[in-house]
């Protein structure tokens, strides 16, 4: 039925150079992902964590929902923000997207 017999390869004929050539593209893709995606994201997360740790009373806070107000009270996990005279809201600290220290002006974009 079959014209020629099939023989299995022992692997010794392939050599270690072929093995490296197979894994090299995967290693290069991982390195590219590391420098283009993973490393910048961890850097941004660290900056955000440091910003949240430095928030204090009288800073201007911008929430992820777009509310802008003055910080009146800081707890471990929450911040009280005054968004209008005598109108205060409690915001979870991790939901703050920007903190402007007291006395600084916002950047004009």
PDB file of N, CA and C in Angstrom:
ATOM      1  N   UNK A   1       0.805  -1.166   0.000  1.00  0.00           N
ATOM      2  CA  UNK A   1       0.000   0.000   0.000  1.00  0.00           C
ATOM      3  C   UNK A   1       0.874   1.264   0.000  1.00  0.00           C
ATOM      4  N   UNK A   2       1.798   1.410   0.977  1.00  0.00           N
ATOM      5  CA  UNK A   2       2.708   2.547   0.995  1.00  0.00           C
ATOM      6  C   UNK A   2       3.972   2.165   0.251  1.00  0.00           C
ATOM      7  N   UNK A   3       4.503   3.095  -0.504  1.00  0.00           N
ATOM      8  CA  UNK A   3       5.663   2.811  -1.326  1.00  0.00           C
ATOM      9  C   UNK A   3       6.958   2.801  -0.534  1.00  0.00           C
ATOM     10  N   UNK A   4       7.097   3.694   0.461  1.00  0.00           N
ATOM     11  CA  UNK A   4       8.349   3.754   1.206  1.00  0.00           C
ATOM     12  C   UNK A   4       8.081   3.705   2.701  1.00  0.00           C
ATOM     13  N   UNK A   5       8.949   3.059   3.455  1.00  0.00           N
ATOM     14  CA  UNK A   5       8.749   3.002   4.915  1.00  0.00           C
ATOM     15  C   UNK A   5       9.087   4.356   5.548  1.00  0.00           C
ATOM     16  N   UNK A   6       8.449   4.659   6.685  1.00  0.00           N
ATOM     17  CA  UNK A   6       8.692   5.905   7.411  1.00  0.00           C
ATOM     18  C   UNK A   6       9.638   5.618   8.568  1.00  0.00           C
ATOM     19  N   UNK A   7      10.625   6.476   8.741  1.00  0.00           N
ATOM     20  CA  UNK A   7      11.593   6.326   9.825  1.00  0.00           C
ATOM     21  C   UNK A   7      11.459   7.508  10.779  1.00  0.00           C
ATOM     22  N   UNK A   8      11.551   7.211  12.065  1.00  0.00           N
ATOM     23  CA  UNK A   8      11.448   8.267  13.073  1.00  0.00           C
ATOM     24  C   UNK A   8      12.794   8.961  13.220  1.00  0.00           C
ATOM     25  N   UNK A   9      12.754  10.252  13.461  1.00  0.00           N
ATOM     26  CA  UNK A   9      13.979  11.027  13.668  1.00  0.00           C
ATOM     27  C   UNK A   9      14.436  10.836  15.108  1.00  0.00           C
ATOM     28  N   UNK A  10      15.727  10.706  15.330  1.00  0.00           N
ATOM     29  CA  UNK A  10      16.252  10.489  16.673  1.00  0.00           C
ATOM     30  C   UNK A  10      16.427  11.796  17.432  1.00  0.00           C
ATOM     31  N   UNK A  11      16.403  12.922  16.788  1.00  0.00           N
ATOM     32  CA  UNK A  11      16.585  14.196  17.463  1.00  0.00           C
ATOM     33  C   UNK A  11      18.019  14.647  17.442  1.00  0.00           C
ATOM     34  N   UNK A  12      18.952  13.740  17.355  1.00  0.00           N
ATOM     35  CA  UNK A  12      20.353  14.105  17.314  1.00  0.00           C
ATOM     36  C   UNK A  12      20.693  14.799  16.006  1.00  0.00           C
ATOM     37  N   UNK A  13      19.977  14.471  14.985  1.00  0.00           N
ATOM     38  CA  UNK A  13      20.236  15.095  13.695  1.00  0.00           C
ATOM     39  C   UNK A  13      19.770  16.547  13.684  1.00  0.00           C
ATOM     40  N   UNK A  14      18.773  16.866  14.510  1.00  0.00           N
ATOM     41  CA  UNK A  14      18.249  18.227  14.535  1.00  0.00           C
ATOM     42  C   UNK A  14      19.255  19.186  15.154  1.00  0.00           C
ATOM     43  N   UNK A  15      19.945  18.792  16.192  1.00  0.00           N
ATOM     44  CA  UNK A  15      20.968  19.625  16.812  1.00  0.00           C
ATOM     45  C   UNK A  15      20.382  20.672  17.744  1.00  0.00           C
ATOM     46  N   UNK A  16      21.248  21.296  18.534  1.00  0.00           N
ATOM     47  CA  UNK A  16      20.795  22.302  19.492  1.00  0.00           C
ATOM     48  C   UNK A  16      20.569  23.650  18.822  1.00  0.00           C
ATOM     49  N   UNK A  17      21.183  23.875  17.672  1.00  0.00           N
ATOM     50  CA  UNK A  17      20.976  25.126  16.955  1.00  0.00           C
ATOM     51  C   UNK A  17      19.547  25.282  16.478  1.00  0.00           C
ATOM     52  N   UNK A  18      18.940  24.194  16.075  1.00  0.00           N
ATOM     53  CA  UNK A  18      17.551  24.245  15.629  1.00  0.00           C
ATOM     54  C   UNK A  18      16.615  24.527  16.800  1.00  0.00           C
ATOM     55  N   UNK A  19      16.950  24.017  17.975  1.00  0.00           N
ATOM     56  CA  UNK A  19      16.137  24.260  19.159  1.00  0.00           C
ATOM     57  C   UNK A  19      16.178  25.727  19.548  1.00  0.00           C
ATOM     58  N   UNK A  20      17.356  26.319  19.500  1.00  0.00           N
ATOM     59  CA  UNK A  20      17.485  27.747  19.811  1.00  0.00           C
ATOM     60  C   UNK A  20      16.747  28.587  18.777  1.00  0.00           C
ATOM     61  N   UNK A  21      16.835  28.211  17.532  1.00  0.00           N
ATOM     62  CA  UNK A  21      16.155  28.940  16.459  1.00  0.00           C
ATOM     63  C   UNK A  21      14.638  28.882  16.619  1.00  0.00           C
ATOM     64  N   UNK A  22      14.119  27.822  17.242  1.00  0.00           N
ATOM     65  CA  UNK A  22      12.679  27.710  17.457  1.00  0.00           C
ATOM     66  C   UNK A  22      12.220  28.612  18.592  1.00  0.00           C
ATOM     67  N   UNK A  23      13.024  28.738  19.655  1.00  0.00           N
ATOM     68  CA  UNK A  23      12.614  29.521  20.822  1.00  0.00           C
ATOM     69  C   UNK A  23      13.016  30.987  20.751  1.00  0.00           C
ATOM     70  N   UNK A  24      13.924  31.343  19.875  1.00  0.00           N
ATOM     71  CA  UNK A  24      14.383  32.724  19.770  1.00  0.00           C
ATOM     72  C   UNK A  24      13.249  33.701  19.446  1.00  0.00           C
ATOM     73  N   UNK A  25      12.351  33.410  18.515  1.00  0.00           N
ATOM     74  CA  UNK A  25      11.251  34.357  18.270  1.00  0.00           C
ATOM     75  C   UNK A  25      10.343  34.542  19.484  1.00  0.00           C
ATOM     76  N   UNK A  26      10.103  33.474  20.235  1.00  0.00           N
ATOM     77  CA  UNK A  26       9.275  33.598  21.439  1.00  0.00           C
ATOM     78  C   UNK A  26       9.950  34.472  22.484  1.00  0.00           C
ATOM     79  N   UNK A  27      11.246  34.316  22.648  1.00  0.00           N
ATOM     80  CA  UNK A  27      11.989  35.141  23.602  1.00  0.00           C
ATOM     81  C   UNK A  27      11.971  36.598  23.157  1.00  0.00           C
ATOM     82  N   UNK A  28      12.143  36.855  21.881  1.00  0.00           N
ATOM     83  CA  UNK A  28      12.120  38.226  21.369  1.00  0.00           C
ATOM     84  C   UNK A  28      10.746  38.869  21.545  1.00  0.00           C
ATOM     85  N   UNK A  29       9.693  38.106  21.346  1.00  0.00           N
ATOM     86  CA  UNK A  29       8.335  38.628  21.545  1.00  0.00           C
ATOM     87  C   UNK A  29       8.120  38.976  23.021  1.00  0.00           C
ATOM     88  N   UNK A  30       8.584  38.113  23.932  1.00  0.00           N
ATOM     89  CA  UNK A  30       8.444  38.397  25.355  1.00  0.00           C
ATOM     90  C   UNK A  30       9.216  39.660  25.737  1.00  0.00           C
ATOM     91  N   UNK A  31      10.418  39.823  25.224  1.00  0.00           N
ATOM     92  CA  UNK A  31      11.215  41.019  25.520  1.00  0.00           C
ATOM     93  C   UNK A  31      10.514  42.269  24.993  1.00  0.00           C
ATOM     94  N   UNK A  32       9.940  42.191  23.805  1.00  0.00           N
ATOM     95  CA  UNK A  32       9.219  43.337  23.245  1.00  0.00           C
ATOM     96  C   UNK A  32       7.999  43.680  24.100  1.00  0.00           C
ATOM     97  N   UNK A  33       7.233  42.675  24.524  1.00  0.00           N
ATOM     98  CA  UNK A  33       6.090  42.914  25.407  1.00  0.00           C
ATOM     99  C   UNK A  33       6.546  43.538  26.710  1.00  0.00           C
ATOM    100  N   UNK A  34       7.657  43.090  27.244  1.00  0.00           N
ATOM    101  CA  UNK A  34       8.159  43.613  28.517  1.00  0.00           C
ATOM    102  C   UNK A  34       8.434  45.108  28.405  1.00  0.00           C
ATOM    103  N   UNK A  35       9.171  45.503  27.371  1.00  0.00           N
ATOM    104  CA  UNK A  35       9.544  46.907  27.248  1.00  0.00           C
ATOM    105  C   UNK A  35       8.417  47.801  26.750  1.00  0.00           C
ATOM    106  N   UNK A  36       7.475  47.261  25.981  1.00  0.00           N
ATOM    107  CA  UNK A  36       6.412  48.080  25.427  1.00  0.00           C
ATOM    108  C   UNK A  36       5.136  48.106  26.270  1.00  0.00           C
ATOM    109  N   UNK A  37       4.872  47.049  27.041  1.00  0.00           N
ATOM    110  CA  UNK A  37       3.617  46.982  27.783  1.00  0.00           C
ATOM    111  C   UNK A  37       3.789  46.849  29.293  1.00  0.00           C
ATOM    112  N   UNK A  38       4.520  45.869  29.725  1.00  0.00           N
ATOM    113  CA  UNK A  38       4.571  45.538  31.148  1.00  0.00           C
ATOM    114  C   UNK A  38       5.324  46.598  31.943  1.00  0.00           C
ATOM    115  N   UNK A  39       6.510  46.962  31.497  1.00  0.00           N
ATOM    116  CA  UNK A  39       7.344  47.914  32.235  1.00  0.00           C
ATOM    117  C   UNK A  39       6.681  49.289  32.368  1.00  0.00           C
ATOM    118  N   UNK A  40       6.140  49.899  31.295  1.00  0.00           N
ATOM    119  CA  UNK A  40       5.478  51.201  31.462  1.00  0.00           C
ATOM    120  C   UNK A  40       4.248  51.136  32.374  1.00  0.00           C
ATOM    121  N   UNK A  41       3.509  50.031  32.319  1.00  0.00           N
ATOM    122  CA  UNK A  41       2.322  49.904  33.161  1.00  0.00           C
ATOM    123  C   UNK A  41       2.701  49.834  34.633  1.00  0.00           C
ATOM    124  N   UNK A  42       3.741  49.093  34.984  1.00  0.00           N
ATOM    125  CA  UNK A  42       4.160  49.025  36.379  1.00  0.00           C
ATOM    126  C   UNK A  42       4.706  50.369  36.853  1.00  0.00           C
ATOM    127  N   UNK A  43       5.351  51.099  35.944  1.00  0.00           N
ATOM    128  CA  UNK A  43       5.864  52.423  36.288  1.00  0.00           C
ATOM    129  C   UNK A  43       4.715  53.384  36.604  1.00  0.00           C
ATOM    130  N   UNK A  44       3.667  53.362  35.755  1.00  0.00           N
ATOM    131  CA  UNK A  44       2.499  54.215  35.981  1.00  0.00           C
ATOM    132  C   UNK A  44       1.778  53.835  37.272  1.00  0.00           C
ATOM    133  N   UNK A  45       1.672  52.545  37.546  1.00  0.00           N
ATOM    134  CA  UNK A  45       1.012  52.096  38.774  1.00  0.00           C
ATOM    135  C   UNK A  45       1.772  52.565  40.003  1.00  0.00           C
ATOM    136  N   UNK A  46       3.083  52.536  39.955  1.00  0.00           N
ATOM    137  CA  UNK A  46       3.898  53.004  41.077  1.00  0.00           C
ATOM    138  C   UNK A  46       3.729  54.508  41.281  1.00  0.00           C
ATOM    139  N   UNK A  47       3.693  55.287  40.198  1.00  0.00           N
ATOM    140  CA  UNK A  47       3.485  56.731  40.310  1.00  0.00           C
ATOM    141  C   UNK A  47       2.116  57.035  40.910  1.00  0.00           C
ATOM    142  N   UNK A  48       1.081  56.289  40.504  1.00  0.00           N
ATOM    143  CA  UNK A  48      -0.263  56.498  41.039  1.00  0.00           C
ATOM    144  C   UNK A  48      -0.313  56.154  42.521  1.00  0.00           C
ATOM    145  N   UNK A  49       0.332  55.063  42.903  1.00  0.00           N
ATOM    146  CA  UNK A  49       0.377  54.661  44.305  1.00  0.00           C
ATOM    147  C   UNK A  49       1.081  55.720  45.157  1.00  0.00           C
ATOM    148  N   UNK A  50       2.191  56.260  44.649  1.00  0.00           N
ATOM    149  CA  UNK A  50       2.918  57.304  45.375  1.00  0.00           C
ATOM    150  C   UNK A  50       2.088  58.582  45.477  1.00  0.00           C
ATOM    151  N   UNK A  51       1.358  58.922  44.413  1.00  0.00           N
ATOM    152  CA  UNK A  51       0.506  60.107  44.424  1.00  0.00           C
ATOM    153  C   UNK A  51      -0.597  59.975  45.478  1.00  0.00           C
ATOM    154  N   UNK A  52      -1.201  58.791  45.567  1.00  0.00           N
ATOM    155  CA  UNK A  52      -2.264  58.578  46.545  1.00  0.00           C
ATOM    156  C   UNK A  52      -1.730  58.617  47.971  1.00  0.00           C
ATOM    157  N   UNK A  53      -0.521  58.157  48.156  1.00  0.00           N
ATOM    158  CA  UNK A  53       0.066  58.185  49.497  1.00  0.00           C
ATOM    159  C   UNK A  53       0.389  59.614  49.943  1.00  0.00           C
ATOM    160  N   UNK A  54       0.594  60.526  48.983  1.00  0.00           N
ATOM    161  CA  UNK A  54       0.993  61.891  49.308  1.00  0.00           C
ATOM    162  C   UNK A  54      -0.178  62.868  49.388  1.00  0.00           C
ATOM    163  N   UNK A  55      -1.407  62.412  49.169  1.00  0.00           N
ATOM    164  CA  UNK A  55      -2.551  63.327  49.218  1.00  0.00           C
ATOM    165  C   UNK A  55      -2.739  63.842  50.642  1.00  0.00           C
ATOM    166  N   UNK A  56      -3.044  65.147  50.751  1.00  0.00           N
ATOM    167  CA  UNK A  56      -3.243  65.756  52.073  1.00  0.00           C
ATOM    168  C   UNK A  56      -4.338  66.808  51.988  1.00  0.00           C
ATOM    169  N   UNK A  57      -4.714  67.329  53.132  1.00  0.00           N
ATOM    170  CA  UNK A  57      -5.778  68.314  53.224  1.00  0.00           C
ATOM    171  C   UNK A  57      -5.413  69.556  52.412  1.00  0.00           C
ATOM    172  N   UNK A  58      -6.405  70.175  51.778  1.00  0.00           N
ATOM    173  CA  UNK A  58      -6.320  71.383  50.951  1.00  0.00           C
ATOM    174  C   UNK A  58      -5.754  71.136  49.555  1.00  0.00           C
ATOM    175  N   UNK A  59      -5.405  69.908  49.205  1.00  0.00           N
ATOM    176  CA  UNK A  59      -5.012  69.611  47.826  1.00  0.00           C
ATOM    177  C   UNK A  59      -6.266  69.611  46.959  1.00  0.00           C
ATOM    178  N   UNK A  60      -6.083  69.843  45.675  1.00  0.00           N
ATOM    179  CA  UNK A  60      -7.192  69.756  44.729  1.00  0.00           C
ATOM    180  C   UNK A  60      -7.156  68.359  44.118  1.00  0.00           C
ATOM    181  N   UNK A  61      -8.282  67.661  44.224  1.00  0.00           N
ATOM    182  CA  UNK A  61      -8.357  66.284  43.740  1.00  0.00           C
ATOM    183  C   UNK A  61      -9.284  66.201  42.538  1.00  0.00           C
ATOM    184  N   UNK A  62      -8.893  65.375  41.576  1.00  0.00           N
ATOM    185  CA  UNK A  62      -9.722  65.079  40.409  1.00  0.00           C
ATOM    186  C   UNK A  62     -10.054  63.594  40.475  1.00  0.00           C
ATOM    187  N   UNK A  63     -11.344  63.279  40.478  1.00  0.00           N
ATOM    188  CA  UNK A  63     -11.755  61.874  40.552  1.00  0.00           C
ATOM    189  C   UNK A  63     -11.799  61.274  39.159  1.00  0.00           C
ATOM    190  N   UNK A  64     -11.860  59.952  39.109  1.00  0.00           N
ATOM    191  CA  UNK A  64     -11.957  59.283  37.808  1.00  0.00           C
ATOM    192  C   UNK A  64     -13.294  59.565  37.128  1.00  0.00           C
ATOM    193  N   UNK A  65     -14.279  60.033  37.885  1.00  0.00           N
ATOM    194  CA  UNK A  65     -15.569  60.405  37.311  1.00  0.00           C
ATOM    195  C   UNK A  65     -15.603  61.826  36.796  1.00  0.00           C
ATOM    196  N   UNK A  66     -14.542  62.594  37.065  1.00  0.00           N
ATOM    197  CA  UNK A  66     -14.455  63.948  36.545  1.00  0.00           C
ATOM    198  C   UNK A  66     -14.773  65.039  37.540  1.00  0.00           C
ATOM    199  N   UNK A  67     -15.074  64.692  38.774  1.00  0.00           N
ATOM    200  CA  UNK A  67     -15.337  65.711  39.784  1.00  0.00           C
ATOM    201  C   UNK A  67     -14.024  66.333  40.247  1.00  0.00           C
ATOM    202  N   UNK A  68     -14.046  67.652  40.421  1.00  0.00           N
ATOM    203  CA  UNK A  68     -12.866  68.370  40.906  1.00  0.00           C
ATOM    204  C   UNK A  68     -13.274  69.079  42.183  1.00  0.00           C
ATOM    205  N   UNK A  69     -12.454  68.919  43.220  1.00  0.00           N
ATOM    206  CA  UNK A  69     -12.765  69.568  44.484  1.00  0.00           C
ATOM    207  C   UNK A  69     -11.576  69.618  45.400  1.00  0.00           C
ATOM    208  N   UNK A  70     -11.779  70.280  46.537  1.00  0.00           N
ATOM    209  CA  UNK A  70     -10.715  70.446  47.523  1.00  0.00           C
ATOM    210  C   UNK A  70     -10.809  69.342  48.573  1.00  0.00           C
ATOM    211  N   UNK A  71      -9.685  68.741  48.893  1.00  0.00           N
ATOM    212  CA  UNK A  71      -9.643  67.678  49.892  1.00  0.00           C
ATOM    213  C   UNK A  71      -9.802  68.302  51.268  1.00  0.00           C
ATOM    214  N   UNK A  72     -10.793  67.811  52.025  1.00  0.00           N
ATOM    215  CA  UNK A  72     -11.014  68.336  53.368  1.00  0.00           C
ATOM    216  C   UNK A  72     -10.643  67.340  54.456  1.00  0.00           C
ATOM    217  N   UNK A  73     -10.577  66.078  54.122  1.00  0.00           N
ATOM    218  CA  UNK A  73     -10.268  65.051  55.113  1.00  0.00           C
ATOM    219  C   UNK A  73      -9.660  63.851  54.397  1.00  0.00           C
ATOM    220  N   UNK A  74      -8.615  63.277  55.002  1.00  0.00           N
ATOM    221  CA  UNK A  74      -7.948  62.114  54.414  1.00  0.00           C
ATOM    222  C   UNK A  74      -7.959  60.983  55.435  1.00  0.00           C
ATOM    223  N   UNK A  75      -8.505  59.843  55.035  1.00  0.00           N
ATOM    224  CA  UNK A  75      -8.464  58.628  55.847  1.00  0.00           C
ATOM    225  C   UNK A  75      -7.542  57.629  55.164  1.00  0.00           C
ATOM    226  N   UNK A  76      -7.502  56.434  55.709  1.00  0.00           N
ATOM    227  CA  UNK A  76      -6.641  55.400  55.125  1.00  0.00           C
ATOM    228  C   UNK A  76      -7.110  54.996  53.726  1.00  0.00           C
ATOM    229  N   UNK A  77      -8.423  54.793  53.557  1.00  0.00           N
ATOM    230  CA  UNK A  77      -8.954  54.321  52.277  1.00  0.00           C
ATOM    231  C   UNK A  77      -9.872  55.327  51.592  1.00  0.00           C
ATOM    232  N   UNK A  78     -10.259  56.387  52.287  1.00  0.00           N
ATOM    233  CA  UNK A  78     -11.213  57.345  51.747  1.00  0.00           C
ATOM    234  C   UNK A  78     -10.678  58.761  51.848  1.00  0.00           C
ATOM    235  N   UNK A  79     -11.216  59.618  50.986  1.00  0.00           N
ATOM    236  CA  UNK A  79     -10.889  61.033  50.988  1.00  0.00           C
ATOM    237  C   UNK A  79     -12.214  61.784  50.929  1.00  0.00           C
ATOM    238  N   UNK A  80     -12.340  62.833  51.726  1.00  0.00           N
ATOM    239  CA  UNK A  80     -13.530  63.673  51.656  1.00  0.00           C
ATOM    240  C   UNK A  80     -13.190  64.879  50.799  1.00  0.00           C
ATOM    241  N   UNK A  81     -13.986  65.096  49.749  1.00  0.00           N
ATOM    242  CA  UNK A  81     -13.721  66.162  48.783  1.00  0.00           C
ATOM    243  C   UNK A  81     -14.892  67.138  48.798  1.00  0.00           C
ATOM    244  N   UNK A  82     -14.575  68.427  48.919  1.00  0.00           N
ATOM    245  CA  UNK A  82     -15.597  69.465  48.869  1.00  0.00           C
ATOM    246  C   UNK A  82     -15.701  69.938  47.421  1.00  0.00           C
ATOM    247  N   UNK A  83     -16.850  69.649  46.776  1.00  0.00           N
ATOM    248  CA  UNK A  83     -17.023  69.968  45.363  1.00  0.00           C
ATOM    249  C   UNK A  83     -17.762  71.291  45.160  1.00  0.00           C
ATOM    250  N   UNK A  84     -18.393  71.811  46.205  1.00  0.00           N
ATOM    251  CA  UNK A  84     -19.073  73.108  46.197  1.00  0.00           C
ATOM    252  C   UNK A  84     -19.122  73.573  47.649  1.00  0.00           C
ATOM    253  N   UNK A  85     -19.411  74.829  47.894  1.00  0.00           N
ATOM    254  CA  UNK A  85     -19.493  75.273  49.290  1.00  0.00           C
ATOM    255  C   UNK A  85     -20.496  74.423  50.079  1.00  0.00           C
ATOM    256  N   UNK A  86     -20.021  73.835  51.149  1.00  0.00           N
ATOM    257  CA  UNK A  86     -20.810  72.992  52.049  1.00  0.00           C
ATOM    258  C   UNK A  86     -21.365  71.732  51.379  1.00  0.00           C
ATOM    259  N   UNK A  87     -20.756  71.301  50.293  1.00  0.00           N
ATOM    260  CA  UNK A  87     -21.135  70.036  49.646  1.00  0.00           C
ATOM    261  C   UNK A  87     -19.896  69.158  49.613  1.00  0.00           C
ATOM    262  N   UNK A  88     -19.925  68.125  50.443  1.00  0.00           N
ATOM    263  CA  UNK A  88     -18.771  67.235  50.550  1.00  0.00           C
ATOM    264  C   UNK A  88     -19.180  65.820  50.174  1.00  0.00           C
ATOM    265  N   UNK A  89     -18.278  65.155  49.453  1.00  0.00           N
ATOM    266  CA  UNK A  89     -18.505  63.758  49.074  1.00  0.00           C
ATOM    267  C   UNK A  89     -17.312  62.931  49.522  1.00  0.00           C
ATOM    268  N   UNK A  90     -17.587  61.689  49.858  1.00  0.00           N
ATOM    269  CA  UNK A  90     -16.502  60.764  50.208  1.00  0.00           C
ATOM    270  C   UNK A  90     -16.142  59.971  48.969  1.00  0.00           C
ATOM    271  N   UNK A  91     -14.849  59.869  48.718  1.00  0.00           N
ATOM    272  CA  UNK A  91     -14.358  59.176  47.535  1.00  0.00           C
ATOM    273  C   UNK A  91     -13.325  58.154  47.984  1.00  0.00           C
ATOM    274  N   UNK A  92     -13.360  56.980  47.392  1.00  0.00           N
ATOM    275  CA  UNK A  92     -12.344  55.976  47.674  1.00  0.00           C
ATOM    276  C   UNK A  92     -11.034  56.469  47.064  1.00  0.00           C
ATOM    277  N   UNK A  93      -9.960  56.379  47.816  1.00  0.00           N
ATOM    278  CA  UNK A  93      -8.671  56.936  47.392  1.00  0.00           C
ATOM    279  C   UNK A  93      -8.216  56.450  46.029  1.00  0.00           C
ATOM    280  N   UNK A  94      -8.417  55.187  45.728  1.00  0.00           N
ATOM    281  CA  UNK A  94      -7.933  54.636  44.459  1.00  0.00           C
ATOM    282  C   UNK A  94      -8.685  55.204  43.259  1.00  0.00           C
ATOM    283  N   UNK A  95      -9.821  55.872  43.482  1.00  0.00           N
ATOM    284  CA  UNK A  95     -10.592  56.466  42.392  1.00  0.00           C
ATOM    285  C   UNK A  95     -10.147  57.884  42.061  1.00  0.00           C
ATOM    286  N   UNK A  96      -9.121  58.383  42.724  1.00  0.00           N
ATOM    287  CA  UNK A  96      -8.573  59.693  42.381  1.00  0.00           C
ATOM    288  C   UNK A  96      -7.633  59.533  41.201  1.00  0.00           C
ATOM    289  N   UNK A  97      -7.835  60.352  40.185  1.00  0.00           N
ATOM    290  CA  UNK A  97      -6.982  60.241  39.003  1.00  0.00           C
ATOM    291  C   UNK A  97      -5.868  61.266  38.995  1.00  0.00           C
ATOM    292  N   UNK A  98      -6.041  62.384  39.725  1.00  0.00           N
ATOM    293  CA  UNK A  98      -5.000  63.409  39.761  1.00  0.00           C
ATOM    294  C   UNK A  98      -5.097  64.170  41.073  1.00  0.00           C
ATOM    295  N   UNK A  99      -3.955  64.577  41.561  1.00  0.00           N
ATOM    296  CA  UNK A  99      -3.873  65.413  42.757  1.00  0.00           C
ATOM    297  C   UNK A  99      -3.041  66.628  42.402  1.00  0.00           C
ATOM    298  N   UNK A 100      -3.603  67.796  42.655  1.00  0.00           N
ATOM    299  CA  UNK A 100      -2.864  69.041  42.450  1.00  0.00           C
ATOM    300  C   UNK A 100      -2.566  69.619  43.821  1.00  0.00           C
ATOM    301  N   UNK A 101      -1.294  69.709  44.177  1.00  0.00           N
ATOM    302  CA  UNK A 101      -0.952  70.248  45.501  1.00  0.00           C
ATOM    303  C   UNK A 101      -1.511  71.657  45.694  1.00  0.00           C
ATOM    304  N   UNK A 102      -1.823  71.991  46.931  1.00  0.00           N
ATOM    305  CA  UNK A 102      -2.391  73.290  47.276  1.00  0.00           C
ATOM    306  C   UNK A 102      -1.474  74.415  46.826  1.00  0.00           C
ATOM    307  N   UNK A 103      -2.044  75.377  46.105  1.00  0.00           N
ATOM    308  CA  UNK A 103      -1.271  76.524  45.658  1.00  0.00           C
ATOM    309  C   UNK A 103      -0.732  76.415  44.235  1.00  0.00           C
ATOM    310  N   UNK A 104      -0.880  75.275  43.584  1.00  0.00           N
ATOM    311  CA  UNK A 104      -0.413  75.159  42.205  1.00  0.00           C
ATOM    312  C   UNK A 104      -1.586  75.365  41.260  1.00  0.00           C
ATOM    313  N   UNK A 105      -1.260  75.846  40.083  1.00  0.00           N
ATOM    314  CA  UNK A 105      -2.299  76.067  39.080  1.00  0.00           C
ATOM    315  C   UNK A 105      -2.336  74.879  38.132  1.00  0.00           C
ATOM    316  N   UNK A 106      -3.528  74.542  37.608  1.00  0.00           N
ATOM    317  CA  UNK A 106      -3.617  73.406  36.669  1.00  0.00           C
ATOM    318  C   UNK A 106      -2.901  73.728  35.368  1.00  0.00           C
ATOM    319  N   UNK A 107      -2.371  72.689  34.749  1.00  0.00           N
ATOM    320  CA  UNK A 107      -1.688  72.854  33.467  1.00  0.00           C
ATOM    321  C   UNK A 107      -2.707  73.127  32.382  1.00  0.00           C
ATOM    322  N   UNK A 108      -2.439  74.106  31.557  1.00  0.00           N
ATOM    323  CA  UNK A 108      -3.318  74.420  30.434  1.00  0.00           C
ATOM    324  C   UNK A 108      -2.928  73.584  29.242  1.00  0.00           C
ATOM    325  N   UNK A 109      -3.841  72.729  28.804  1.00  0.00           N
ATOM    326  CA  UNK A 109      -3.561  71.849  27.661  1.00  0.00           C
ATOM    327  C   UNK A 109      -4.103  72.418  26.397  1.00  0.00           C
TER     328      UNK A 109
END
